[in-house]
Amino acid sequence: MDTIHAKDLKKGSMARWLRWAIPLIIVVGAFAVSQQLGKKGGQDKSQSPIPVRVEKPQLGDLVRTLNINGYVESERMVTVLPLVSGVLQDLLVDVGDRVSRDQVIARIDPERYKLQFQQAETAYLSAQSTFERVSQLYKSNATSTQNYEQAKAQAEAYKSQYDLARLQLEYTNIKSPMDGVVLQRHLTVGSLAAPERPLVTIADLKNLTIRCQIPERYYTQFQEAYRSGGRGLGITIRRSDGSTYPGRIRSISPYVSAETKNFEVMITVASGAEDLRPGMFVTTSFELARIRQVYTLPFSALSGENTLWYVENGRAKKAEITVTERNDTAFVVSPEWKDRDVIIEGWYFLRENSPVVVAQ
């Protein structure tokens, strides 16, 4: 019985050892094989040149700009409203026409106002004649002060009605309040014109402005540029077709919006305003700083925050740099980089001394 029990224990111990040892052997063997395959694959990879695109640093000015989108506005834009009601008899201007101050641009049917004027004129002349007669009598003490005052008040009342009727008749000829260009017609001939119904919109196209919302951090710089007459802050207004126009600061808001943390700057189109129209979409570029004659690279060349890859004798090399000056698209490198072929595409596949081929 003891002999059989000892054999059973030995067999059980051997089975447990094999149950743990066999998986361990398999894992170690698989790891060794993977290491060999990895080394072989790495050797094959290192032997295959990696295509990259390179660029030499460009010598020129590095410009930092702030671009703000906005719309062209007219400094003076007026919607003309008729001052009396009536049927619009004539509309003498069309969209795009230039008008001058006090030019008649429309007429309202005047017949009703002519009749009112004639009635008021007749009543006034009659009251004035009566007042003059009573006045002569009063001077000769032939009538009372009461009659004199009554005739005078009546003459003055009819004079007011006469002046009002004359003014309303004049208002049937609608005049332009300013020099400018007709931007829009709101009514057509035959329409009912009234003081609450717009007739035309006129704008002065010689004085065009753009409202720009500028981030708060630039407030001091803009104030200094404004006080110095715009020096140190070049302003360019750009249309969607690429046309550009110079601009200058007209005014700066004295406060910063608590909601947006922006302040408003009004920009005047310095020249070429005749090619612009109110409502056009434009981009206003402010030149904040200019560093002259430095070597620059695009940000696509930068690996991480401070690593550059370059090609030397057909192999990839890397170097650490410190970026001190930059704008939105490029950064400055030292002159020692001027003749190097810096990798701008493909560096994410590289290791030190990896063979590379420059793609054209």
Protein backbone atom coordinates (compact mmCIF):
# COMPACT_ATOMS: atom_id res chain seq x y z
CA MET A 1 0.00 0.00 0.00
CA ASP A 2 2.85 2.42 0.86
CA THR A 3 4.72 1.63 -2.38
CA ILE A 4 1.67 2.34 -4.58
CA HIS A 5 0.99 5.59 -2.73
CA ALA A 6 4.56 6.86 -3.29
CA LYS A 7 4.35 6.14 -7.02
CA ASP A 8 1.07 8.03 -7.26
CA LEU A 9 2.60 11.05 -5.53
CA LYS A 10 5.57 11.06 -7.88
CA LYS A 11 3.34 10.87 -10.95
CA GLY A 12 1.15 13.75 -9.66
CA SER A 13 4.18 15.94 -8.98
CA MET A 14 5.54 15.31 -12.49
CA ALA A 15 2.18 16.18 -14.07
CA ARG A 16 1.96 19.47 -12.19
CA TRP A 17 5.51 20.43 -13.23
CA LEU A 18 4.78 19.71 -16.90
CA ARG A 19 1.55 21.70 -16.74
CA TRP A 20 3.51 24.83 -15.78
CA ALA A 21 6.72 24.18 -17.75
CA ILE A 22 5.23 23.53 -21.19
CA PRO A 23 3.44 26.94 -21.53
CA LEU A 24 6.56 28.69 -20.24
CA ILE A 25 8.72 26.98 -22.86
CA ILE A 26 6.24 27.94 -25.59
CA VAL A 27 6.23 31.62 -24.48
CA VAL A 28 10.04 31.81 -24.31
CA GLY A 29 10.36 30.19 -27.73
CA ALA A 30 7.81 32.54 -29.29
CA PHE A 31 9.61 35.54 -27.83
CA ALA A 32 12.95 34.37 -29.20
CA VAL A 33 11.49 33.82 -32.64
CA SER A 34 9.78 37.26 -32.62
CA GLN A 35 13.05 38.91 -31.63
CA GLN A 36 14.86 37.25 -34.53
CA LEU A 37 12.13 38.19 -36.96
CA GLY A 38 12.11 41.79 -35.59
CA LYS A 39 15.84 42.09 -36.08
CA LYS A 40 15.58 40.75 -39.59
CA GLY A 41 12.65 43.07 -40.40
CA GLY A 42 14.50 46.05 -38.90
CA GLN A 43 17.52 45.25 -41.03
CA ASP A 44 15.31 45.08 -44.13
CA LYS A 45 13.64 48.37 -43.17
CA SER A 46 16.94 50.11 -42.49
CA GLN A 47 18.16 49.03 -45.86
CA SER A 48 15.15 50.55 -47.71
CA PRO A 49 15.48 54.34 -48.25
CA ILE A 50 12.53 56.35 -46.97
CA PRO A 51 11.17 59.02 -49.34
CA VAL A 52 11.12 62.53 -47.89
CA ARG A 53 10.60 66.10 -49.09
CA VAL A 54 13.14 68.73 -48.18
CA GLU A 55 13.40 72.51 -48.24
CA LYS A 56 16.24 74.93 -47.60
CA PRO A 57 15.55 77.85 -45.22
CA GLN A 58 14.30 80.94 -47.03
CA LEU A 59 15.90 84.35 -46.49
CA GLY A 60 13.45 87.22 -46.08
CA ASP A 61 11.30 89.19 -43.65
CA LEU A 62 9.27 87.41 -41.01
CA VAL A 63 6.02 89.31 -40.58
CA ARG A 64 3.55 88.82 -37.75
CA THR A 65 0.04 89.84 -38.74
CA LEU A 66 -3.44 89.92 -37.24
CA ASN A 67 -6.25 89.18 -39.72
CA ILE A 68 -9.80 90.33 -38.94
CA ASN A 69 -12.80 89.66 -41.19
CA GLY A 70 -15.49 92.27 -41.62
CA TYR A 71 -17.74 94.19 -43.98
CA VAL A 72 -17.40 97.51 -45.76
CA GLU A 73 -19.67 100.23 -44.42
CA SER A 74 -20.36 103.77 -45.55
CA GLU A 75 -19.49 106.43 -43.01
CA ARG A 76 -22.63 108.27 -44.13
CA MET A 77 -25.60 106.23 -45.31
CA VAL A 78 -29.10 107.72 -45.28
CA THR A 79 -32.50 106.21 -46.00
CA VAL A 80 -34.66 108.98 -47.44
CA LEU A 81 -38.22 109.20 -46.13
CA PRO A 82 -40.87 111.46 -47.70
CA LEU A 83 -42.20 114.13 -45.35
CA VAL A 84 -45.74 114.12 -46.77
CA SER A 85 -48.09 111.38 -47.94
CA GLY A 86 -49.33 110.85 -51.47
CA VAL A 87 -48.98 108.90 -54.68
CA LEU A 88 -45.40 108.72 -55.93
CA GLN A 89 -45.60 110.55 -59.26
CA ASP A 90 -41.91 110.47 -60.32
CA LEU A 91 -38.82 108.64 -59.14
CA LEU A 92 -35.97 110.39 -60.92
CA VAL A 93 -33.00 108.24 -59.82
CA ASP A 94 -32.04 104.61 -60.13
CA VAL A 95 -29.65 102.31 -58.30
CA GLY A 96 -26.06 103.37 -58.94
CA ASP A 97 -26.89 106.99 -59.84
CA ARG A 98 -24.81 109.71 -58.26
CA VAL A 99 -26.80 112.49 -56.61
CA SER A 100 -25.86 115.81 -55.07
CA ARG A 101 -27.20 117.58 -52.03
CA ASP A 102 -30.65 119.22 -52.56
CA GLN A 103 -31.11 117.49 -55.93
CA VAL A 104 -34.77 116.56 -56.57
CA ILE A 105 -34.88 112.76 -56.67
CA ALA A 106 -38.65 112.12 -56.56
CA ARG A 107 -42.02 113.87 -56.69
CA ILE A 108 -45.29 113.17 -54.92
CA ASP A 109 -48.55 114.13 -56.64
CA PRO A 110 -48.87 117.79 -55.55
CA GLU A 111 -52.50 118.58 -56.52
CA ARG A 112 -53.95 118.19 -53.04
CA TYR A 113 -51.19 120.30 -51.52
CA LYS A 114 -51.61 122.98 -54.19
CA LEU A 115 -55.28 123.35 -53.27
CA GLN A 116 -54.45 123.50 -49.57
CA PHE A 117 -51.81 126.13 -50.28
CA GLN A 118 -54.22 128.26 -52.34
CA GLN A 119 -56.87 128.08 -49.59
CA ALA A 120 -54.32 128.97 -46.93
CA GLU A 121 -52.95 131.79 -49.06
CA THR A 122 -56.38 133.29 -49.65
CA ALA A 123 -57.28 133.10 -45.95
CA TYR A 124 -53.95 134.62 -44.95
CA LEU A 125 -54.16 137.51 -47.44
CA SER A 126 -57.69 138.27 -46.26
CA ALA A 127 -56.68 138.17 -42.59
CA GLN A 128 -53.59 140.27 -43.30
CA SER A 129 -55.68 142.87 -45.14
CA THR A 130 -58.11 143.05 -42.24
CA PHE A 131 -55.26 143.43 -39.76
CA GLU A 132 -53.71 146.26 -41.77
CA ARG A 133 -57.06 148.11 -41.87
CA VAL A 134 -57.66 147.63 -38.16
CA SER A 135 -54.09 148.69 -37.48
CA GLN A 136 -54.67 152.00 -39.29
CA LEU A 137 -57.84 152.54 -37.28
CA TYR A 138 -56.05 151.70 -34.06
CA LYS A 139 -53.31 154.22 -34.77
CA SER A 140 -55.97 156.93 -35.20
CA ASN A 141 -57.78 155.77 -32.04
CA ALA A 142 -60.81 154.75 -34.14
CA THR A 143 -60.96 151.19 -32.75
CA SER A 144 -60.28 149.41 -29.49
CA THR A 145 -57.17 147.61 -28.41
CA GLN A 146 -59.21 144.42 -28.21
CA ASN A 147 -60.16 144.62 -31.89
CA TYR A 148 -56.56 145.34 -32.80
CA GLU A 149 -55.22 142.36 -30.83
CA GLN A 150 -57.92 140.07 -32.21
CA ALA A 151 -57.14 141.03 -35.83
CA LYS A 152 -53.42 140.62 -35.21
CA ALA A 153 -53.84 137.13 -33.68
CA GLN A 154 -56.08 136.06 -36.54
CA ALA A 155 -53.56 137.26 -39.13
CA GLU A 156 -50.74 135.42 -37.37
CA ALA A 157 -52.79 132.20 -37.20
CA TYR A 158 -53.57 132.29 -40.90
CA LYS A 159 -49.93 133.14 -41.58
CA SER A 160 -48.90 129.91 -39.81
CA GLN A 161 -51.39 127.87 -41.82
CA TYR A 162 -50.12 129.54 -44.99
CA ASP A 163 -46.47 128.73 -44.13
CA LEU A 164 -47.38 125.12 -43.32
CA ALA A 165 -49.27 124.68 -46.61
CA ARG A 166 -46.37 126.21 -48.55
CA LEU A 167 -43.91 123.89 -46.78
CA GLN A 168 -46.02 120.79 -47.47
CA LEU A 169 -46.22 121.75 -51.14
CA GLU A 170 -42.43 122.08 -51.25
CA TYR A 171 -42.10 118.66 -49.59
CA THR A 172 -43.79 117.03 -52.59
CA ASN A 173 -40.43 117.57 -54.30
CA ILE A 174 -38.21 115.12 -52.42
CA LYS A 175 -34.54 116.18 -52.32
CA SER A 176 -31.34 114.32 -51.56
CA PRO A 177 -29.96 115.24 -48.12
CA MET A 178 -26.34 114.58 -49.17
CA ASP A 179 -23.89 113.90 -51.98
CA GLY A 180 -23.64 110.21 -52.71
CA VAL A 181 -24.76 107.20 -54.72
CA VAL A 182 -28.18 105.54 -54.71
CA LEU A 183 -27.78 102.07 -53.22
CA GLN A 184 -31.40 100.93 -53.19
CA ARG A 185 -34.88 101.96 -54.32
CA HIS A 186 -37.64 100.94 -51.93
CA LEU A 187 -40.71 102.24 -53.82
CA THR A 188 -41.83 102.44 -57.44
CA VAL A 189 -43.80 105.05 -59.35
CA GLY A 190 -47.50 104.79 -58.48
CA SER A 191 -46.84 103.52 -54.96
CA LEU A 192 -48.30 105.26 -51.95
CA ALA A 193 -45.54 107.28 -50.30
CA ALA A 194 -45.73 108.12 -46.62
CA PRO A 195 -43.39 109.40 -43.91
CA GLU A 196 -43.01 105.87 -42.49
CA ARG A 197 -42.19 104.26 -45.87
CA PRO A 198 -38.52 104.45 -47.08
CA LEU A 199 -38.03 105.82 -50.57
CA VAL A 200 -34.34 105.32 -51.45
CA THR A 201 -31.07 104.66 -49.63
CA ILE A 202 -28.11 106.92 -50.42
CA ALA A 203 -24.51 106.42 -49.30
CA ASP A 204 -21.32 108.43 -49.50
CA LEU A 205 -18.92 106.01 -51.23
CA LYS A 206 -15.92 108.29 -50.82
CA ASN A 207 -15.72 107.67 -47.07
CA LEU A 208 -15.84 103.90 -46.44
CA THR A 209 -15.01 102.20 -43.17
CA ILE A 210 -14.59 98.70 -41.72
CA ARG A 211 -15.43 97.80 -38.12
CA CYS A 212 -12.84 95.44 -36.63
CA GLN A 213 -13.18 93.59 -33.32
CA ILE A 214 -9.64 93.34 -31.92
CA PRO A 215 -8.62 91.04 -29.00
CA GLU A 216 -7.94 92.85 -25.75
CA ARG A 217 -4.22 91.92 -25.60
CA TYR A 218 -3.48 94.26 -28.53
CA TYR A 219 -5.11 97.35 -27.01
CA THR A 220 -1.89 99.09 -25.94
CA GLN A 221 -0.18 98.45 -29.27
CA PHE A 222 -3.12 99.84 -31.24
CA GLN A 223 -3.39 102.90 -28.99
CA GLU A 224 0.31 103.68 -29.48
CA ALA A 225 0.00 103.27 -33.25
CA TYR A 226 -3.07 105.54 -33.31
CA ARG A 227 -1.34 108.28 -31.32
CA SER A 228 1.70 108.12 -33.61
CA GLY A 229 -0.39 108.53 -36.74
CA GLY A 230 -0.37 104.85 -37.68
CA ARG A 231 3.40 104.33 -37.60
CA GLY A 232 4.45 100.79 -36.74
CA LEU A 233 1.13 99.23 -37.71
CA GLY A 234 0.70 98.61 -41.44
CA ILE A 235 -2.94 98.07 -42.44
CA THR A 236 -4.03 96.29 -45.62
CA ILE A 237 -7.65 95.68 -46.67
CA ARG A 238 -8.07 92.62 -48.91
CA ARG A 239 -11.10 91.62 -50.99
CA SER A 240 -11.97 88.03 -51.86
CA ASP A 241 -10.60 88.53 -55.40
CA GLY A 242 -7.17 89.43 -54.03
CA SER A 243 -7.40 93.20 -54.53
CA THR A 244 -5.77 95.19 -51.74
CA TYR A 245 -6.27 98.71 -50.40
CA PRO A 246 -4.37 100.68 -47.76
CA GLY A 247 -6.18 101.54 -44.55
CA ARG A 248 -5.69 103.80 -41.56
CA ILE A 249 -7.13 103.90 -38.07
CA ARG A 250 -10.04 106.34 -37.82
CA SER A 251 -10.97 105.67 -34.20
CA ILE A 252 -10.46 103.23 -31.33
CA SER A 253 -13.15 102.36 -28.84
CA PRO A 254 -12.35 103.71 -25.36
CA TYR A 255 -13.55 100.51 -23.71
CA VAL A 256 -13.20 96.72 -23.98
CA SER A 257 -16.34 94.59 -24.16
CA ALA A 258 -16.70 92.53 -20.99
CA GLU A 259 -18.56 89.80 -22.92
CA THR A 260 -16.21 89.30 -25.89
CA LYS A 261 -12.95 90.77 -24.48
CA ASN A 262 -12.62 92.69 -27.75
CA PHE A 263 -12.43 96.40 -28.53
CA GLU A 264 -13.68 98.05 -31.71
CA VAL A 265 -11.40 99.77 -34.21
CA MET A 266 -12.80 101.78 -37.13
CA ILE A 267 -10.63 101.55 -40.25
CA THR A 268 -10.90 104.06 -43.09
CA VAL A 269 -10.09 103.05 -46.68
CA ALA A 270 -7.20 105.40 -47.46
CA SER A 271 -7.37 105.13 -51.28
CA GLY A 272 -9.14 103.15 -53.98
CA ALA A 273 -12.50 103.40 -52.22
CA GLU A 274 -14.26 103.81 -55.56
CA ASP A 275 -13.77 100.05 -56.18
CA LEU A 276 -15.48 99.09 -52.93
CA ARG A 277 -19.14 99.03 -52.00
CA PRO A 278 -20.95 98.85 -48.66
CA GLY A 279 -21.63 95.25 -47.68
CA MET A 280 -18.53 93.76 -49.34
CA PHE A 281 -16.71 91.08 -47.32
CA VAL A 282 -13.07 92.01 -46.66
CA THR A 283 -10.15 90.88 -44.52
CA THR A 284 -8.19 93.58 -42.72
CA SER A 285 -4.56 92.64 -42.01
CA PHE A 286 -2.60 94.48 -39.32
CA GLU A 287 1.18 94.16 -39.44
CA LEU A 288 2.11 93.78 -35.78
CA ALA A 289 5.87 93.21 -36.21
CA ARG A 290 8.48 92.69 -38.93
CA ILE A 291 11.85 90.98 -38.46
CA ARG A 292 14.00 91.76 -41.47
CA GLN A 293 16.28 89.38 -43.40
CA VAL A 294 16.15 86.17 -41.37
CA TYR A 295 16.09 82.50 -42.38
CA THR A 296 12.73 80.82 -41.94
CA LEU A 297 11.18 77.36 -42.28
CA PRO A 298 7.52 76.28 -42.37
CA PHE A 299 6.09 74.68 -39.26
CA SER A 300 5.72 71.40 -41.15
CA ALA A 301 9.49 70.96 -40.67
CA LEU A 302 9.23 70.99 -36.89
CA SER A 303 9.08 67.59 -35.18
CA GLY A 304 7.62 68.07 -31.75
CA GLU A 305 8.48 71.43 -30.22
CA ASN A 306 12.17 71.74 -30.97
CA THR A 307 13.45 68.99 -33.31
CA LEU A 308 14.49 69.35 -36.96
CA TRP A 309 15.46 66.55 -39.35
CA TYR A 310 17.80 67.14 -42.26
CA VAL A 311 19.55 65.08 -44.94
CA GLU A 312 23.29 64.53 -44.88
CA ASN A 313 25.02 62.09 -47.25
CA GLY A 314 21.77 60.31 -47.98
CA ARG A 315 20.90 59.72 -44.33
CA ALA A 316 18.57 61.39 -41.86
CA LYS A 317 20.05 63.48 -39.07
CA LYS A 318 18.24 65.33 -36.32
CA ALA A 319 19.11 68.33 -34.20
CA GLU A 320 17.51 70.19 -31.34
CA ILE A 321 16.77 73.91 -31.77
CA THR A 322 15.14 76.70 -29.77
CA VAL A 323 12.36 78.59 -31.54
CA THR A 324 12.35 82.24 -30.49
CA GLU A 325 10.62 84.10 -33.31
CA ARG A 326 7.63 82.91 -35.30
CA ASN A 327 4.41 83.89 -37.01
CA ASP A 328 1.36 81.84 -37.96
CA THR A 329 3.11 79.88 -40.74
CA ALA A 330 6.89 79.93 -40.22
CA PHE A 331 9.67 80.22 -37.62
CA VAL A 332 13.20 81.61 -37.60
CA VAL A 333 16.33 79.41 -37.66
CA SER A 334 19.96 80.44 -37.23
CA PRO A 335 22.14 81.13 -40.34
CA GLU A 336 24.00 77.84 -39.83
CA TRP A 337 20.93 76.10 -41.28
CA LYS A 338 20.88 78.08 -44.52
CA ASP A 339 22.51 75.37 -46.69
CA ARG A 340 20.90 72.31 -45.12
CA ASP A 341 18.20 70.25 -46.77
CA VAL A 342 15.61 70.26 -44.00
CA ILE A 343 12.98 67.53 -44.13
CA ILE A 344 9.48 69.02 -44.22
CA GLU A 345 7.56 65.81 -45.03
CA GLY A 346 8.29 62.21 -44.04
CA TRP A 347 10.26 62.80 -40.84
CA TYR A 348 7.70 60.88 -38.74
CA PHE A 349 9.03 57.58 -40.22
CA LEU A 350 12.71 58.31 -39.49
CA ARG A 351 15.30 57.21 -37.04
CA GLU A 352 18.77 58.59 -36.65
CA ASN A 353 20.89 57.63 -39.73
CA SER A 354 17.94 56.14 -41.60
CA PRO A 355 18.67 56.09 -45.37
CA VAL A 356 16.44 58.53 -47.23
CA VAL A 357 15.65 59.42 -50.80
CA VAL A 358 14.55 62.98 -51.65
CA ALA A 359 11.26 63.02 -53.52
CA GLN A 360 10.94 65.60 -56.25
